[in-house]
N, C-alpha and C. Protein backbone atom coordinates (compact mmCIF):
# COMPACT_ATOMS: atom_id res chain seq x y z
N UNK A 1 0.85 -1.18 0.00
CA UNK A 1 0.00 0.00 0.00
C UNK A 1 0.89 1.24 0.00
N UNK A 2 0.52 2.20 -0.79
CA UNK A 2 1.23 3.48 -0.86
C UNK A 2 0.55 4.47 0.08
N UNK A 3 1.33 5.10 0.94
CA UNK A 3 0.77 6.10 1.85
C UNK A 3 0.88 7.49 1.23
N UNK A 4 -0.24 8.19 1.15
CA UNK A 4 -0.26 9.54 0.61
C UNK A 4 0.08 10.55 1.69
N UNK A 5 0.50 11.74 1.26
CA UNK A 5 0.80 12.83 2.18
C UNK A 5 -0.48 13.24 2.92
N UNK A 6 -0.38 13.51 4.21
CA UNK A 6 -1.53 13.94 5.00
C UNK A 6 -1.91 15.37 4.66
N UNK A 7 -3.21 15.61 4.50
CA UNK A 7 -3.75 16.95 4.22
C UNK A 7 -4.58 17.38 5.42
N UNK A 8 -4.08 18.33 6.15
CA UNK A 8 -4.76 18.79 7.36
C UNK A 8 -5.88 19.77 7.01
N UNK A 9 -7.00 19.62 7.67
CA UNK A 9 -8.07 20.61 7.55
C UNK A 9 -7.83 21.68 8.61
N UNK A 10 -7.42 22.86 8.16
CA UNK A 10 -7.18 23.96 9.10
C UNK A 10 -8.41 24.29 9.92
N UNK A 11 -9.58 24.29 9.28
CA UNK A 11 -10.82 24.62 9.99
C UNK A 11 -11.09 23.62 11.12
N UNK A 12 -10.93 22.34 10.84
CA UNK A 12 -11.17 21.32 11.87
C UNK A 12 -10.07 21.33 12.93
N UNK A 13 -8.83 21.52 12.49
CA UNK A 13 -7.72 21.55 13.45
C UNK A 13 -7.84 22.72 14.42
N UNK A 14 -8.24 23.88 13.89
CA UNK A 14 -8.43 25.04 14.76
C UNK A 14 -9.53 24.79 15.78
N UNK A 15 -10.61 24.20 15.35
CA UNK A 15 -11.71 23.92 16.27
C UNK A 15 -11.27 22.91 17.33
N UNK A 16 -10.58 21.85 16.90
CA UNK A 16 -10.07 20.84 17.83
C UNK A 16 -9.12 21.49 18.85
N UNK A 17 -8.19 22.33 18.36
CA UNK A 17 -7.23 22.99 19.24
C UNK A 17 -7.94 23.85 20.28
N UNK A 18 -8.99 24.54 19.85
CA UNK A 18 -9.77 25.35 20.79
C UNK A 18 -10.39 24.52 21.89
N UNK A 19 -10.95 23.38 21.52
CA UNK A 19 -11.54 22.50 22.54
C UNK A 19 -10.46 21.95 23.47
N UNK A 20 -9.31 21.62 22.92
CA UNK A 20 -8.23 21.09 23.74
C UNK A 20 -7.69 22.16 24.69
N UNK A 21 -7.57 23.38 24.20
CA UNK A 21 -7.11 24.47 25.06
C UNK A 21 -8.10 24.73 26.20
N UNK A 22 -9.38 24.58 25.91
CA UNK A 22 -10.40 24.72 26.96
C UNK A 22 -10.17 23.69 28.07
N UNK A 23 -9.62 22.54 27.71
CA UNK A 23 -9.31 21.49 28.69
C UNK A 23 -7.95 21.72 29.35
N UNK A 24 -7.27 22.82 29.00
CA UNK A 24 -6.01 23.15 29.64
C UNK A 24 -4.78 22.62 28.93
N UNK A 25 -4.92 22.17 27.68
CA UNK A 25 -3.79 21.65 26.93
C UNK A 25 -3.63 22.49 25.68
N UNK A 26 -2.48 23.17 25.58
CA UNK A 26 -2.20 24.01 24.42
C UNK A 26 -1.38 23.22 23.42
N UNK A 27 -1.73 23.34 22.16
CA UNK A 27 -0.97 22.69 21.10
C UNK A 27 0.14 23.60 20.63
N UNK A 28 1.23 23.01 20.21
CA UNK A 28 2.29 23.78 19.57
C UNK A 28 2.19 23.53 18.08
N UNK A 29 2.51 24.53 17.27
CA UNK A 29 2.41 24.32 15.82
C UNK A 29 3.42 23.28 15.35
N UNK A 30 3.08 22.55 14.29
CA UNK A 30 4.04 21.57 13.76
C UNK A 30 5.27 22.27 13.20
N UNK A 31 6.37 21.57 13.20
CA UNK A 31 7.61 22.10 12.64
C UNK A 31 7.52 21.95 11.13
N UNK A 32 7.65 23.04 10.37
CA UNK A 32 7.56 22.95 8.91
C UNK A 32 8.57 21.97 8.34
N UNK A 33 8.11 21.15 7.42
CA UNK A 33 8.99 20.21 6.74
C UNK A 33 9.26 18.93 7.49
N UNK A 34 8.76 18.81 8.72
CA UNK A 34 8.99 17.60 9.50
C UNK A 34 7.78 16.69 9.34
N UNK A 35 8.01 15.51 8.84
CA UNK A 35 6.94 14.53 8.67
C UNK A 35 7.01 13.55 9.84
N UNK A 36 5.94 13.47 10.64
CA UNK A 36 5.99 12.63 11.83
C UNK A 36 5.89 11.13 11.54
N UNK A 37 5.84 10.73 10.31
CA UNK A 37 5.73 9.31 9.99
C UNK A 37 4.69 9.09 8.91
N UNK A 38 4.56 7.87 8.49
CA UNK A 38 3.59 7.56 7.44
C UNK A 38 2.41 6.81 8.05
N UNK A 39 1.26 7.03 7.47
CA UNK A 39 0.06 6.42 7.98
C UNK A 39 -1.02 6.47 6.90
N UNK A 40 -1.97 5.57 7.02
CA UNK A 40 -3.05 5.57 6.03
C UNK A 40 -4.02 6.73 6.22
N UNK A 41 -3.88 7.54 7.29
CA UNK A 41 -4.72 8.73 7.42
C UNK A 41 -4.44 9.69 6.26
N UNK A 42 -3.24 9.64 5.70
CA UNK A 42 -2.93 10.47 4.53
C UNK A 42 -3.84 10.11 3.37
N UNK A 43 -4.08 8.83 3.16
CA UNK A 43 -4.98 8.40 2.09
C UNK A 43 -6.40 8.91 2.34
N UNK A 44 -6.86 8.80 3.58
CA UNK A 44 -8.21 9.25 3.92
C UNK A 44 -8.34 10.76 3.79
N UNK A 45 -7.29 11.48 4.22
CA UNK A 45 -7.37 12.94 4.23
C UNK A 45 -7.39 13.55 2.83
N UNK A 46 -7.11 12.76 1.81
CA UNK A 46 -7.23 13.23 0.45
C UNK A 46 -8.64 13.10 -0.08
N UNK A 47 -9.50 12.49 0.70
CA UNK A 47 -10.88 12.25 0.27
C UNK A 47 -11.91 12.92 1.16
N UNK A 48 -11.59 13.08 2.44
CA UNK A 48 -12.50 13.75 3.39
C UNK A 48 -11.67 14.66 4.29
N UNK A 49 -12.25 15.75 4.78
CA UNK A 49 -11.52 16.62 5.70
C UNK A 49 -11.10 15.83 6.95
N UNK A 50 -9.87 16.07 7.40
CA UNK A 50 -9.34 15.29 8.52
C UNK A 50 -8.40 16.11 9.39
N UNK A 51 -8.25 15.66 10.62
CA UNK A 51 -7.23 16.16 11.54
C UNK A 51 -6.42 14.96 12.01
N UNK A 52 -5.20 15.22 12.38
CA UNK A 52 -4.35 14.15 12.91
C UNK A 52 -3.46 14.76 13.99
N UNK A 53 -4.06 15.06 15.14
CA UNK A 53 -3.28 15.75 16.18
C UNK A 53 -2.26 14.83 16.84
N UNK A 54 -1.16 15.44 17.21
CA UNK A 54 -0.15 14.78 18.04
C UNK A 54 -0.13 15.53 19.36
N UNK A 55 -0.24 14.82 20.44
CA UNK A 55 -0.19 15.44 21.76
C UNK A 55 0.91 14.79 22.58
N UNK A 56 1.50 15.58 23.45
CA UNK A 56 2.65 15.10 24.22
C UNK A 56 2.20 14.43 25.51
N UNK A 57 2.80 13.29 25.78
CA UNK A 57 2.60 12.62 27.06
C UNK A 57 3.91 12.62 27.86
N UNK A 58 4.93 13.26 27.29
CA UNK A 58 6.21 13.42 27.99
C UNK A 58 6.85 14.71 27.54
N UNK A 59 7.95 15.08 28.15
CA UNK A 59 8.63 16.33 27.84
C UNK A 59 9.21 16.30 26.42
N UNK A 60 9.48 17.47 25.84
CA UNK A 60 9.95 17.54 24.44
C UNK A 60 11.24 16.77 24.16
N UNK A 61 12.05 16.53 25.16
CA UNK A 61 13.30 15.82 24.91
C UNK A 61 13.10 14.30 24.83
N UNK A 62 11.87 13.82 25.04
CA UNK A 62 11.58 12.39 24.93
C UNK A 62 11.53 11.95 23.48
N UNK A 63 11.62 10.66 23.27
CA UNK A 63 11.63 10.12 21.92
C UNK A 63 10.69 8.93 21.81
N UNK A 64 10.06 8.81 20.65
CA UNK A 64 9.17 7.66 20.41
C UNK A 64 9.97 6.36 20.41
N UNK A 65 9.24 5.28 20.58
CA UNK A 65 9.81 3.93 20.48
C UNK A 65 10.95 3.70 21.46
N UNK A 66 10.76 4.17 22.68
CA UNK A 66 11.75 3.97 23.74
C UNK A 66 11.05 3.44 24.98
N UNK A 67 11.80 2.85 25.90
CA UNK A 67 11.19 2.43 27.18
C UNK A 67 10.57 3.61 27.92
N UNK A 68 11.15 4.82 27.76
CA UNK A 68 10.62 5.99 28.45
C UNK A 68 9.22 6.36 27.96
N UNK A 69 8.98 6.24 26.67
CA UNK A 69 7.63 6.57 26.16
C UNK A 69 6.64 5.50 26.61
N UNK A 70 7.09 4.27 26.72
CA UNK A 70 6.20 3.21 27.23
C UNK A 70 5.81 3.50 28.67
N UNK A 71 6.77 3.94 29.46
CA UNK A 71 6.49 4.31 30.85
C UNK A 71 5.56 5.52 30.91
N UNK A 72 5.82 6.50 30.05
CA UNK A 72 4.99 7.71 30.03
C UNK A 72 3.55 7.37 29.64
N UNK A 73 3.36 6.38 28.78
CA UNK A 73 2.01 6.01 28.34
C UNK A 73 1.15 5.50 29.48
N UNK A 74 1.78 5.03 30.54
CA UNK A 74 1.03 4.53 31.70
C UNK A 74 0.92 5.57 32.81
N UNK A 75 1.33 6.80 32.52
CA UNK A 75 1.37 7.84 33.55
C UNK A 75 0.03 8.55 33.71
N UNK A 76 -0.09 9.28 34.79
CA UNK A 76 -1.27 10.10 35.03
C UNK A 76 -1.36 11.21 33.98
N UNK A 77 -0.22 11.74 33.57
CA UNK A 77 -0.23 12.77 32.52
C UNK A 77 -0.85 12.23 31.24
N UNK A 78 -0.46 11.03 30.85
CA UNK A 78 -1.00 10.43 29.63
C UNK A 78 -2.51 10.22 29.75
N UNK A 79 -2.96 9.80 30.90
CA UNK A 79 -4.41 9.60 31.11
C UNK A 79 -5.15 10.92 30.99
N UNK A 80 -4.60 11.97 31.59
CA UNK A 80 -5.24 13.29 31.51
C UNK A 80 -5.28 13.79 30.07
N UNK A 81 -4.17 13.62 29.35
CA UNK A 81 -4.11 14.06 27.95
C UNK A 81 -5.09 13.25 27.10
N UNK A 82 -5.12 11.94 27.30
CA UNK A 82 -6.02 11.09 26.52
C UNK A 82 -7.48 11.50 26.72
N UNK A 83 -7.88 11.72 27.95
CA UNK A 83 -9.26 12.12 28.21
C UNK A 83 -9.58 13.47 27.57
N UNK A 84 -8.64 14.40 27.63
CA UNK A 84 -8.85 15.71 27.01
C UNK A 84 -8.95 15.59 25.49
N UNK A 85 -8.11 14.75 24.89
CA UNK A 85 -8.13 14.57 23.44
C UNK A 85 -9.43 13.92 22.98
N UNK A 86 -9.87 12.90 23.70
CA UNK A 86 -11.12 12.23 23.34
C UNK A 86 -12.28 13.22 23.41
N UNK A 87 -12.31 14.02 24.46
CA UNK A 87 -13.38 15.02 24.59
C UNK A 87 -13.29 16.06 23.46
N UNK A 88 -12.08 16.53 23.16
CA UNK A 88 -11.92 17.54 22.11
C UNK A 88 -12.32 16.99 20.74
N UNK A 89 -11.96 15.74 20.45
CA UNK A 89 -12.37 15.14 19.18
C UNK A 89 -13.88 14.97 19.10
N UNK A 90 -14.49 14.53 20.20
CA UNK A 90 -15.95 14.37 20.22
C UNK A 90 -16.65 15.71 20.02
N UNK A 91 -16.17 16.75 20.70
CA UNK A 91 -16.78 18.07 20.55
C UNK A 91 -16.58 18.61 19.14
N UNK A 92 -15.43 18.33 18.55
CA UNK A 92 -15.20 18.76 17.16
C UNK A 92 -16.16 18.04 16.23
N UNK A 93 -16.39 16.76 16.46
CA UNK A 93 -17.36 16.01 15.66
C UNK A 93 -18.76 16.59 15.79
N UNK A 94 -19.15 16.95 17.01
CA UNK A 94 -20.46 17.59 17.22
C UNK A 94 -20.52 18.92 16.47
N UNK A 95 -19.43 19.68 16.52
CA UNK A 95 -19.41 20.95 15.80
C UNK A 95 -19.62 20.74 14.30
N UNK A 96 -18.99 19.71 13.75
CA UNK A 96 -19.15 19.41 12.32
C UNK A 96 -20.61 19.10 12.01
N UNK A 97 -21.26 18.36 12.87
CA UNK A 97 -22.66 18.01 12.65
C UNK A 97 -23.58 19.21 12.79
N UNK A 98 -23.27 20.11 13.69
CA UNK A 98 -24.17 21.22 14.01
C UNK A 98 -23.89 22.50 13.22
N UNK A 99 -22.70 22.64 12.64
CA UNK A 99 -22.30 23.91 12.05
C UNK A 99 -22.02 23.76 10.55
N UNK A 100 -23.00 24.09 9.71
CA UNK A 100 -22.79 23.96 8.27
C UNK A 100 -21.62 24.82 7.76
N UNK A 101 -21.38 25.97 8.39
CA UNK A 101 -20.27 26.82 7.99
C UNK A 101 -18.93 26.14 8.22
N UNK A 102 -18.80 25.45 9.34
CA UNK A 102 -17.58 24.71 9.62
C UNK A 102 -17.39 23.59 8.60
N UNK A 103 -18.46 22.88 8.31
CA UNK A 103 -18.37 21.82 7.29
C UNK A 103 -17.90 22.39 5.95
N UNK A 104 -18.47 23.52 5.59
CA UNK A 104 -18.10 24.15 4.32
C UNK A 104 -16.63 24.56 4.30
N UNK A 105 -16.15 25.14 5.40
CA UNK A 105 -14.73 25.53 5.47
C UNK A 105 -13.82 24.30 5.42
N UNK A 106 -14.24 23.22 6.05
CA UNK A 106 -13.43 21.98 6.04
C UNK A 106 -13.32 21.43 4.62
N UNK A 107 -14.43 21.41 3.90
CA UNK A 107 -14.39 20.92 2.52
C UNK A 107 -13.58 21.86 1.63
N UNK A 108 -13.66 23.17 1.90
CA UNK A 108 -12.87 24.13 1.14
C UNK A 108 -11.38 23.91 1.39
N UNK A 109 -11.00 23.63 2.64
CA UNK A 109 -9.60 23.29 2.93
C UNK A 109 -9.13 22.13 2.07
N UNK A 110 -9.98 21.12 1.93
CA UNK A 110 -9.61 19.94 1.15
C UNK A 110 -9.47 20.31 -0.34
N UNK A 111 -10.39 21.10 -0.85
CA UNK A 111 -10.29 21.51 -2.26
C UNK A 111 -9.01 22.32 -2.52
N UNK A 112 -8.66 23.20 -1.58
CA UNK A 112 -7.42 23.98 -1.73
C UNK A 112 -6.19 23.07 -1.68
N UNK A 113 -6.22 22.06 -0.83
CA UNK A 113 -5.09 21.14 -0.71
C UNK A 113 -4.90 20.32 -1.98
N UNK A 114 -5.99 20.09 -2.70
CA UNK A 114 -5.91 19.33 -3.95
C UNK A 114 -5.23 20.15 -5.04
N UNK A 115 -5.24 21.47 -4.86
CA UNK A 115 -4.56 22.37 -5.80
C UNK A 115 -5.32 22.58 -7.01
């Protein structure tokens, strides 16, 4: 399977970030040009508006695929972050259902990404 580049919906990501900030978790902007890995969400995001947030469960000097990240995944911080993310995603989904303007902006983001 070929993984396509992920296309972020700015409208949905902004809404998600707002809900997450309300829960006390601020997102940092992605580093330009840094690809966090490959995933089939890239294939999906070329067909429907999508978000793919990354949230920290450890300090910035931590690294994926290490014993430290495994330990961090079982921490109270990870539990707090997970619950906030689940709530923010659910609220973003409700916003999509309730707000035709948001839906329109999300689809417009996708059309712009297609070029």
